[in-house]
N, C-alpha and C. Protein backbone atom coordinates (compact mmCIF):
# COMPACT_ATOMS: atom_id res chain seq x y z
N MET A 1 322.80 231.69 194.66
CA MET A 1 321.48 232.16 194.30
C MET A 1 321.24 233.55 194.88
N GLN A 2 321.55 233.75 196.15
CA GLN A 2 321.37 235.05 196.77
C GLN A 2 322.21 236.10 196.05
N HIS A 3 323.43 235.72 195.71
CA HIS A 3 324.36 236.65 195.05
C HIS A 3 323.77 237.14 193.72
N THR A 4 323.24 236.24 192.91
CA THR A 4 322.69 236.66 191.62
C THR A 4 321.41 237.48 191.80
N LEU A 5 320.60 237.16 192.80
CA LEU A 5 319.38 237.92 193.03
C LEU A 5 319.66 239.37 193.40
N THR A 6 320.82 239.64 194.00
CA THR A 6 321.15 241.02 194.36
C THR A 6 321.32 241.91 193.12
N CYS A 7 321.31 241.31 191.95
CA CYS A 7 321.37 242.11 190.71
C CYS A 7 320.08 242.90 190.51
N VAL A 8 318.95 242.41 191.05
CA VAL A 8 317.66 243.08 190.79
C VAL A 8 316.84 243.37 192.04
N THR A 9 317.18 242.78 193.19
CA THR A 9 316.33 242.98 194.36
C THR A 9 317.15 242.90 195.65
N PRO A 10 316.76 243.68 196.66
CA PRO A 10 317.38 243.52 197.97
C PRO A 10 316.75 242.39 198.79
N ALA A 11 315.68 241.77 198.27
CA ALA A 11 315.04 240.66 198.98
C ALA A 11 316.04 239.53 199.18
N VAL A 12 315.87 238.81 200.26
CA VAL A 12 316.77 237.71 200.56
C VAL A 12 316.07 236.37 200.36
N VAL A 13 316.86 235.36 200.09
CA VAL A 13 316.35 234.01 199.92
C VAL A 13 316.00 233.45 201.29
N VAL A 14 314.80 232.89 201.40
CA VAL A 14 314.36 232.27 202.65
C VAL A 14 313.82 230.88 202.35
N SER A 15 313.85 230.04 203.34
CA SER A 15 313.28 228.71 203.22
C SER A 15 311.80 228.80 203.53
N ASP A 16 310.99 228.26 202.65
CA ASP A 16 309.54 228.27 202.85
C ASP A 16 309.18 227.03 203.66
N PRO A 17 308.68 227.22 204.88
CA PRO A 17 308.39 226.06 205.74
C PRO A 17 307.28 225.17 205.19
N ARG A 18 306.46 225.69 204.28
CA ARG A 18 305.40 224.86 203.69
C ARG A 18 305.98 223.84 202.73
N GLY A 19 307.23 224.07 202.28
CA GLY A 19 307.83 223.18 201.30
C GLY A 19 307.22 223.38 199.94
N GLY A 20 307.73 222.70 198.98
CA GLY A 20 307.23 222.83 197.62
C GLY A 20 306.23 221.75 197.29
N PRO A 21 305.66 221.85 196.10
CA PRO A 21 304.67 220.86 195.70
C PRO A 21 305.27 219.54 195.23
N ASN A 22 306.56 219.51 194.96
CA ASN A 22 307.22 218.32 194.42
C ASN A 22 307.55 217.35 195.55
N PRO A 23 307.07 216.11 195.51
CA PRO A 23 307.38 215.16 196.58
C PRO A 23 308.87 214.84 196.69
N ARG A 24 309.63 215.07 195.61
CA ARG A 24 311.07 214.84 195.63
C ARG A 24 311.81 216.00 196.30
N THR A 25 311.10 217.03 196.63
CA THR A 25 311.70 218.24 197.18
C THR A 25 312.05 218.07 198.65
N ALA A 26 313.29 218.39 198.97
CA ALA A 26 313.73 218.37 200.36
C ALA A 26 313.42 219.71 201.01
N GLY A 27 313.41 220.76 200.20
CA GLY A 27 313.14 222.10 200.70
C GLY A 27 312.67 222.99 199.57
N TYR A 28 312.17 224.15 199.94
CA TYR A 28 311.66 225.09 198.94
C TYR A 28 312.14 226.48 199.32
N LEU A 29 312.76 227.16 198.38
CA LEU A 29 313.30 228.49 198.61
C LEU A 29 312.43 229.54 197.90
N THR A 30 312.23 230.64 198.56
CA THR A 30 311.48 231.75 197.99
C THR A 30 312.15 233.05 198.45
N LEU A 31 311.49 234.17 198.28
CA LEU A 31 312.06 235.46 198.65
C LEU A 31 311.40 236.01 199.91
N SER A 32 312.16 236.77 200.69
CA SER A 32 311.63 237.39 201.90
C SER A 32 310.51 238.37 201.57
N THR A 33 310.57 238.97 200.40
CA THR A 33 309.50 239.82 199.88
C THR A 33 308.98 239.14 198.64
N TYR A 34 307.76 238.64 198.70
CA TYR A 34 307.22 237.89 197.55
C TYR A 34 305.93 238.52 197.10
N PRO A 35 305.86 238.95 195.87
CA PRO A 35 306.96 239.02 194.91
C PRO A 35 307.85 240.23 195.18
N ALA A 36 309.04 240.21 194.60
CA ALA A 36 309.98 241.31 194.76
C ALA A 36 309.78 242.32 193.63
N ARG A 37 309.53 243.56 194.01
CA ARG A 37 309.31 244.61 193.02
C ARG A 37 310.63 244.90 192.31
N LEU A 38 310.57 245.00 190.97
CA LEU A 38 311.75 245.31 190.18
C LEU A 38 311.84 246.82 190.01
N GLY A 39 313.04 247.37 190.18
CA GLY A 39 313.25 248.81 190.06
C GLY A 39 313.31 249.26 188.62
N GLY A 40 313.34 250.56 188.43
CA GLY A 40 313.47 251.12 187.09
C GLY A 40 312.16 251.51 186.47
N GLY A 41 311.09 251.52 187.24
CA GLY A 41 309.79 251.93 186.72
C GLY A 41 309.16 250.95 185.76
N VAL A 42 309.56 249.68 185.80
CA VAL A 42 309.02 248.68 184.87
C VAL A 42 307.61 248.22 185.26
N GLY A 43 307.23 248.44 186.50
CA GLY A 43 305.90 248.03 186.94
C GLY A 43 305.74 246.53 187.07
N LEU A 44 306.82 245.82 187.17
CA LEU A 44 306.77 244.36 187.32
C LEU A 44 307.39 243.95 188.64
N SER A 45 306.90 242.85 189.15
CA SER A 45 307.51 242.20 190.30
C SER A 45 307.86 240.78 189.87
N LEU A 46 308.83 240.22 190.55
CA LEU A 46 309.28 238.87 190.23
C LEU A 46 309.07 237.97 191.44
N GLY A 47 308.45 236.83 191.20
CA GLY A 47 308.36 235.81 192.22
C GLY A 47 309.42 234.76 191.94
N VAL A 48 309.96 234.20 192.98
CA VAL A 48 310.95 233.13 192.83
C VAL A 48 310.57 232.01 193.78
N GLY A 49 310.42 230.82 193.26
CA GLY A 49 310.19 229.63 194.06
C GLY A 49 311.03 228.51 193.47
N ILE A 50 311.92 227.98 194.27
CA ILE A 50 312.82 226.93 193.79
C ILE A 50 312.80 225.76 194.78
N GLY A 51 312.38 224.62 194.28
CA GLY A 51 312.44 223.40 195.07
C GLY A 51 313.81 222.77 194.90
N TYR A 52 314.29 222.13 195.92
CA TYR A 52 315.57 221.44 195.79
C TYR A 52 315.53 220.08 196.45
N ALA A 53 316.34 219.21 195.90
CA ALA A 53 316.51 217.86 196.45
C ALA A 53 317.95 217.73 196.92
N VAL A 54 318.16 216.95 197.93
CA VAL A 54 319.50 216.68 198.43
C VAL A 54 319.92 215.33 197.87
N VAL A 55 321.03 215.33 197.13
CA VAL A 55 321.48 214.12 196.45
C VAL A 55 322.95 213.85 196.77
N PRO A 56 323.34 212.58 196.74
CA PRO A 56 324.75 212.28 197.00
C PRO A 56 325.61 212.77 195.84
N ARG A 57 326.82 213.16 196.16
CA ARG A 57 327.78 213.53 195.12
C ARG A 57 328.22 212.26 194.41
N PRO A 58 329.02 212.40 193.35
CA PRO A 58 329.46 211.21 192.61
C PRO A 58 330.11 210.16 193.51
N VAL A 59 330.17 208.95 192.99
CA VAL A 59 330.71 207.81 193.73
C VAL A 59 332.06 208.15 194.35
N GLY A 60 332.21 207.76 195.59
CA GLY A 60 333.47 207.96 196.29
C GLY A 60 333.45 209.20 197.18
N ALA A 61 332.61 210.16 196.87
CA ALA A 61 332.52 211.36 197.70
C ALA A 61 331.62 211.05 198.88
N LYS A 62 331.95 211.63 200.02
CA LYS A 62 331.15 211.39 201.22
C LYS A 62 330.33 212.62 201.57
N THR A 63 329.95 213.36 200.56
CA THR A 63 329.16 214.56 200.79
C THR A 63 327.92 214.54 199.92
N TRP A 64 327.03 215.44 200.24
CA TRP A 64 325.78 215.58 199.52
C TRP A 64 325.72 216.99 198.94
N GLU A 65 324.85 217.18 197.98
CA GLU A 65 324.65 218.52 197.43
C GLU A 65 323.18 218.72 197.13
N ALA A 66 322.80 219.98 197.04
CA ALA A 66 321.41 220.31 196.71
C ALA A 66 321.34 220.62 195.23
N GLU A 67 320.30 220.11 194.58
CA GLU A 67 320.09 220.45 193.17
C GLU A 67 318.63 220.84 192.97
N VAL A 68 318.41 221.68 191.98
CA VAL A 68 317.07 222.16 191.69
C VAL A 68 316.18 220.99 191.28
N SER A 69 314.98 220.90 191.90
CA SER A 69 314.03 219.85 191.55
C SER A 69 312.74 220.41 190.96
N SER A 70 312.55 221.73 191.04
CA SER A 70 311.41 222.41 190.43
C SER A 70 311.65 223.91 190.53
N TYR A 71 310.93 224.68 189.73
CA TYR A 71 311.02 226.14 189.86
C TYR A 71 309.75 226.80 189.35
N SER A 72 309.55 228.02 189.84
CA SER A 72 308.47 228.89 189.40
C SER A 72 309.00 230.32 189.43
N TYR A 73 308.95 231.00 188.29
CA TYR A 73 309.43 232.38 188.17
C TYR A 73 308.34 233.23 187.53
N PRO A 74 307.32 233.65 188.28
CA PRO A 74 306.28 234.49 187.69
C PRO A 74 306.67 235.97 187.67
N PHE A 75 306.29 236.66 186.60
CA PHE A 75 306.41 238.11 186.49
C PHE A 75 305.00 238.66 186.69
N LEU A 76 304.85 239.54 187.66
CA LEU A 76 303.52 240.02 188.07
C LEU A 76 303.42 241.54 187.97
N LEU A 77 302.22 242.01 187.70
CA LEU A 77 301.93 243.45 187.72
C LEU A 77 301.71 243.88 189.16
N PRO A 78 301.67 245.19 189.43
CA PRO A 78 301.46 245.65 190.82
C PRO A 78 300.19 245.10 191.47
N ASP A 79 299.15 244.81 190.69
CA ASP A 79 297.93 244.24 191.26
C ASP A 79 298.01 242.72 191.42
N LEU A 80 299.21 242.18 191.21
CA LEU A 80 299.54 240.75 191.35
C LEU A 80 298.97 239.85 190.26
N ARG A 81 298.47 240.45 189.18
CA ARG A 81 298.07 239.63 188.04
C ARG A 81 299.34 239.18 187.33
N GLU A 82 299.34 237.91 186.91
CA GLU A 82 300.51 237.34 186.25
C GLU A 82 300.56 237.74 184.79
N SER A 83 301.73 238.25 184.37
CA SER A 83 301.96 238.57 182.96
C SER A 83 302.46 237.32 182.24
N PHE A 84 303.50 236.71 182.80
CA PHE A 84 304.02 235.45 182.28
C PHE A 84 304.82 234.78 183.37
N ALA A 85 305.08 233.49 183.19
CA ALA A 85 305.82 232.75 184.21
C ALA A 85 306.54 231.56 183.57
N TYR A 86 307.72 231.30 184.08
CA TYR A 86 308.45 230.08 183.72
C TYR A 86 308.25 229.07 184.84
N HIS A 87 307.89 227.85 184.48
CA HIS A 87 307.67 226.79 185.47
C HIS A 87 308.40 225.51 185.04
N TRP A 88 308.76 224.75 186.04
CA TRP A 88 309.19 223.36 185.83
C TRP A 88 308.77 222.60 187.08
N HIS A 89 307.87 221.67 186.91
CA HIS A 89 307.41 220.83 188.02
C HIS A 89 307.31 219.39 187.49
N PRO A 90 308.46 218.69 187.50
CA PRO A 90 308.51 217.34 186.91
C PRO A 90 307.62 216.31 187.59
N HIS A 91 307.09 216.62 188.76
CA HIS A 91 306.18 215.70 189.46
C HIS A 91 304.77 215.72 188.88
N VAL A 92 304.48 216.67 187.97
CA VAL A 92 303.17 216.73 187.33
C VAL A 92 303.31 216.08 185.96
N ALA A 93 302.85 214.86 185.84
CA ALA A 93 303.10 214.04 184.65
C ALA A 93 302.71 214.70 183.33
N GLU A 94 301.57 215.39 183.31
CA GLU A 94 301.08 215.97 182.06
C GLU A 94 301.96 217.12 181.56
N VAL A 95 302.66 217.77 182.46
CA VAL A 95 303.52 218.91 182.08
C VAL A 95 304.84 218.85 182.85
N ALA A 96 305.50 217.72 182.76
CA ALA A 96 306.74 217.51 183.50
C ALA A 96 307.93 218.27 182.89
N TYR A 97 307.74 218.88 181.76
CA TYR A 97 308.81 219.59 181.06
C TYR A 97 308.82 221.08 181.46
N PRO A 98 309.98 221.75 181.35
CA PRO A 98 310.03 223.19 181.62
C PRO A 98 309.16 223.93 180.60
N HIS A 99 308.43 224.95 181.08
CA HIS A 99 307.50 225.62 180.18
C HIS A 99 307.25 227.08 180.58
N LEU A 100 306.60 227.79 179.66
CA LEU A 100 306.23 229.20 179.83
C LEU A 100 304.71 229.30 179.84
N HIS A 101 304.19 230.12 180.74
CA HIS A 101 302.76 230.45 180.77
C HIS A 101 302.61 231.92 180.39
N LEU A 102 301.61 232.23 179.60
CA LEU A 102 301.22 233.62 179.37
C LEU A 102 299.99 233.86 180.23
N GLY A 103 300.05 234.89 181.06
CA GLY A 103 298.97 235.16 181.99
C GLY A 103 298.04 236.26 181.51
N PRO A 104 296.97 236.48 182.22
CA PRO A 104 295.98 237.50 181.85
C PRO A 104 296.59 238.90 181.72
N ALA A 105 297.63 239.20 182.49
CA ALA A 105 298.23 240.52 182.45
C ALA A 105 299.17 240.70 181.25
N ALA A 106 299.25 239.69 180.38
CA ALA A 106 300.02 239.85 179.15
C ALA A 106 299.31 240.79 178.18
N VAL A 107 298.02 241.01 178.42
CA VAL A 107 297.22 241.94 177.61
C VAL A 107 297.19 243.29 178.32
N GLN A 108 297.49 244.35 177.59
CA GLN A 108 297.49 245.69 178.17
C GLN A 108 296.11 246.05 178.71
N SER A 109 296.10 246.72 179.87
CA SER A 109 294.83 247.08 180.50
C SER A 109 293.99 247.99 179.61
N GLY A 110 294.62 248.83 178.80
CA GLY A 110 293.88 249.70 177.89
C GLY A 110 293.07 248.91 176.87
N VAL A 111 293.61 247.80 176.45
CA VAL A 111 292.90 246.93 175.51
C VAL A 111 291.65 246.36 176.19
N LEU A 112 291.81 245.95 177.44
CA LEU A 112 290.67 245.42 178.19
C LEU A 112 289.59 246.49 178.38
N GLU A 113 290.02 247.70 178.74
CA GLU A 113 289.07 248.80 178.95
C GLU A 113 288.29 249.10 177.67
N ARG A 114 288.99 249.18 176.54
CA ARG A 114 288.32 249.47 175.27
C ARG A 114 287.34 248.37 174.88
N ALA A 115 287.61 247.15 175.34
CA ALA A 115 286.70 246.04 175.05
C ALA A 115 285.59 245.92 176.09
N GLY A 116 285.61 246.84 177.09
CA GLY A 116 284.59 246.80 178.12
C GLY A 116 284.78 245.67 179.12
N LEU A 117 286.03 245.21 179.25
CA LEU A 117 286.32 244.10 180.16
C LEU A 117 286.97 244.59 181.44
N SER A 118 286.80 243.85 182.50
CA SER A 118 287.43 244.13 183.78
C SER A 118 288.94 243.92 183.65
N ALA A 119 289.71 244.60 184.51
CA ALA A 119 291.16 244.41 184.54
C ALA A 119 291.52 242.98 184.93
N LEU A 120 290.58 242.27 185.53
CA LEU A 120 290.83 240.89 185.94
C LEU A 120 290.49 239.88 184.84
N ALA A 121 289.95 240.37 183.74
CA ALA A 121 289.56 239.47 182.65
C ALA A 121 290.80 238.89 181.97
N ASN A 122 290.64 237.70 181.44
CA ASN A 122 291.71 237.09 180.66
C ASN A 122 291.29 237.18 179.20
N ALA A 123 291.93 238.11 178.48
CA ALA A 123 291.57 238.34 177.08
C ALA A 123 292.38 237.48 176.11
N LEU A 124 293.21 236.60 176.64
CA LEU A 124 293.95 235.69 175.78
C LEU A 124 293.01 234.63 175.23
N ARG A 125 293.33 234.11 174.07
CA ARG A 125 292.57 232.96 173.57
C ARG A 125 292.66 231.87 174.62
N SER A 126 291.60 231.12 174.81
CA SER A 126 291.58 230.11 175.88
C SER A 126 292.67 229.05 175.69
N ASP A 127 292.96 228.68 174.43
CA ASP A 127 294.01 227.69 174.22
C ASP A 127 295.38 228.25 174.57
N VAL A 128 295.60 229.53 174.33
CA VAL A 128 296.87 230.18 174.68
C VAL A 128 296.95 230.36 176.20
N ALA A 129 295.85 230.79 176.80
CA ALA A 129 295.82 231.02 178.25
C ALA A 129 296.13 229.74 179.02
N GLY A 130 295.72 228.60 178.51
CA GLY A 130 295.94 227.34 179.21
C GLY A 130 297.17 226.56 178.75
N ALA A 131 297.89 227.11 177.79
CA ALA A 131 299.02 226.38 177.21
C ALA A 131 300.25 226.39 178.11
N HIS A 132 301.03 225.33 177.99
CA HIS A 132 302.32 225.19 178.65
C HIS A 132 303.35 225.15 177.52
N PHE A 133 303.86 226.32 177.13
CA PHE A 133 304.80 226.41 176.01
C PHE A 133 306.16 225.85 176.42
N PRO A 134 306.64 224.76 175.78
CA PRO A 134 307.94 224.18 176.17
C PRO A 134 309.07 225.19 175.98
N THR A 135 310.00 225.19 176.92
CA THR A 135 311.12 226.13 176.86
C THR A 135 312.48 225.47 176.96
N GLY A 136 312.58 224.30 177.52
CA GLY A 136 313.87 223.78 177.95
C GLY A 136 314.15 224.39 179.32
N PRO A 137 315.17 223.92 180.00
CA PRO A 137 315.46 224.43 181.34
C PRO A 137 315.75 225.93 181.32
N VAL A 138 315.23 226.64 182.30
CA VAL A 138 315.46 228.09 182.42
C VAL A 138 316.10 228.34 183.78
N ALA A 139 317.31 228.83 183.76
CA ALA A 139 318.03 229.12 185.00
C ALA A 139 317.58 230.46 185.57
N LEU A 140 317.70 230.61 186.87
CA LEU A 140 317.35 231.87 187.53
C LEU A 140 318.14 233.02 186.91
N GLU A 141 319.40 232.79 186.58
CA GLU A 141 320.22 233.84 185.97
C GLU A 141 319.61 234.32 184.66
N THR A 142 319.02 233.42 183.90
CA THR A 142 318.37 233.78 182.64
C THR A 142 317.18 234.70 182.89
N VAL A 143 316.40 234.38 183.90
CA VAL A 143 315.21 235.18 184.23
C VAL A 143 315.63 236.58 184.68
N LEU A 144 316.68 236.67 185.48
CA LEU A 144 317.15 237.98 185.94
C LEU A 144 317.72 238.79 184.79
N TRP A 145 318.47 238.13 183.89
CA TRP A 145 319.00 238.80 182.69
C TRP A 145 317.85 239.34 181.86
N LEU A 146 316.81 238.54 181.68
CA LEU A 146 315.62 238.95 180.92
C LEU A 146 314.97 240.18 181.56
N ALA A 147 314.83 240.18 182.86
CA ALA A 147 314.20 241.31 183.56
C ALA A 147 314.95 242.61 183.29
N ILE A 148 316.26 242.55 183.27
CA ILE A 148 317.07 243.75 183.04
C ILE A 148 317.09 244.15 181.58
N THR A 149 317.42 243.21 180.71
CA THR A 149 317.66 243.57 179.30
C THR A 149 316.41 243.71 178.45
N GLN A 150 315.35 242.99 178.80
CA GLN A 150 314.15 243.03 177.97
C GLN A 150 313.01 243.84 178.58
N PHE A 151 313.02 243.98 179.91
CA PHE A 151 311.91 244.67 180.58
C PHE A 151 312.35 245.92 181.32
N GLY A 152 313.63 246.25 181.25
CA GLY A 152 314.10 247.52 181.82
C GLY A 152 314.23 247.57 183.32
N ALA A 153 314.30 246.41 183.99
CA ALA A 153 314.53 246.42 185.43
C ALA A 153 315.90 247.06 185.68
N GLU A 154 315.94 247.92 186.67
CA GLU A 154 317.18 248.61 186.99
C GLU A 154 318.13 247.68 187.74
N PRO A 155 319.33 247.43 187.18
CA PRO A 155 320.28 246.57 187.91
C PRO A 155 320.75 247.28 189.18
N LEU A 156 320.89 246.53 190.24
CA LEU A 156 321.32 247.08 191.52
C LEU A 156 322.81 246.90 191.74
N ARG A 157 323.46 246.21 190.82
CA ARG A 157 324.91 245.98 190.94
C ARG A 157 325.58 246.40 189.65
N PRO A 158 326.74 247.05 189.75
CA PRO A 158 327.45 247.43 188.52
C PRO A 158 328.05 246.23 187.78
N ASP A 159 328.24 245.11 188.48
CA ASP A 159 328.84 243.93 187.87
C ASP A 159 327.80 242.90 187.44
N TRP A 160 326.56 243.33 187.21
CA TRP A 160 325.48 242.40 186.89
C TRP A 160 325.77 241.61 185.62
N ARG A 161 326.45 242.20 184.64
CA ARG A 161 326.74 241.48 183.38
C ARG A 161 327.68 240.29 183.63
N ARG A 162 328.54 240.40 184.60
CA ARG A 162 329.43 239.29 184.94
C ARG A 162 328.65 238.18 185.62
N LEU A 163 327.71 238.55 186.48
CA LEU A 163 326.91 237.56 187.22
C LEU A 163 325.80 236.96 186.38
N LEU A 164 325.32 237.71 185.38
CA LEU A 164 324.20 237.27 184.54
C LEU A 164 324.61 237.34 183.07
N PRO A 165 325.48 236.45 182.62
CA PRO A 165 325.90 236.50 181.22
C PRO A 165 324.74 236.24 180.27
N ALA A 166 324.83 236.77 179.08
CA ALA A 166 323.76 236.63 178.10
C ALA A 166 323.50 235.17 177.75
N PRO A 167 322.23 234.82 177.51
CA PRO A 167 321.92 233.46 177.07
C PRO A 167 322.71 233.10 175.82
N GLY A 168 323.14 231.87 175.74
CA GLY A 168 323.92 231.42 174.60
C GLY A 168 325.41 231.67 174.76
N SER A 169 325.80 232.31 175.86
CA SER A 169 327.22 232.59 176.05
C SER A 169 327.98 231.39 176.60
N GLY A 170 327.24 230.34 176.96
CA GLY A 170 327.90 229.14 177.49
C GLY A 170 328.19 229.23 178.98
N SER A 171 327.84 230.34 179.61
CA SER A 171 328.15 230.53 181.03
C SER A 171 326.98 230.26 181.95
N PHE A 172 325.82 229.97 181.40
CA PHE A 172 324.64 229.76 182.24
C PHE A 172 324.65 228.35 182.82
N THR A 173 324.04 228.23 184.00
CA THR A 173 323.81 226.92 184.60
C THR A 173 322.42 226.47 184.21
N THR A 174 322.16 225.22 184.36
CA THR A 174 320.82 224.71 184.09
C THR A 174 320.21 224.26 185.41
N PRO A 175 318.91 224.07 185.45
CA PRO A 175 318.28 223.66 186.70
C PRO A 175 318.84 222.37 187.29
N SER A 176 319.44 221.51 186.51
CA SER A 176 319.98 220.27 187.07
C SER A 176 321.35 220.50 187.69
N THR A 177 321.90 221.69 187.53
CA THR A 177 323.19 222.02 188.13
C THR A 177 323.01 222.24 189.63
N PRO A 178 323.95 221.76 190.44
CA PRO A 178 323.81 221.96 191.89
C PRO A 178 323.65 223.44 192.23
N LEU A 179 322.87 223.71 193.27
CA LEU A 179 322.73 225.07 193.78
C LEU A 179 324.02 225.47 194.44
N SER A 180 324.36 226.74 194.31
CA SER A 180 325.58 227.20 195.00
C SER A 180 325.24 228.33 195.94
C-alpha cells in the first residue's frame, strides 16, 4: 500500500488509533498528511482510509493475513469540500455495497457564484447529492491511476504505470485481496 501511494504523495501510511467505523475492523490505516495534496496543479487532495480485518489463511496454514474490510477515498478541494468519494462500508446495511458519492465541490465555484450561492452550497440535485452510486470494488491502485490519468495529478515515480496498471488490464487487486 505504501509503495503504490508513493506514485502520488510523499505521505506515509499510519495506523489511526481511533480505528475505523466497521466493527469487523481490526485496524484502520490513513495517511500521515490527511488529506494528501496531489501535485501537478490539479487543486485536489486525496484522503485514504482503509479498514482491515485479520483473518486466518487457508486451512492448514498457521498464519494470519490482513484483508480490506472497508475503505474511503475522498477527493477534496483545497478548502476541504468533497468533490467525489469512493466508499465501501459493509457494516452499514442500507449501503453495504461499494459506491461513489458526488459531493458539493463537484459543481464549479463559478457556477455557484453566478447563481448567487455560497461556495459551501450544494448545487447538486438533492437525490444526486444523497445517492450512493454502485461501483463494484474499487482498489486503491484504481483511485491513484484515476488521479494521474483523469485529473492530472503529477506522478512522483517514473515507474507509476507498472505499479498502477490501467483498469481492465487484469492486474488490479480488489478490496477482498489481502493487503501487502
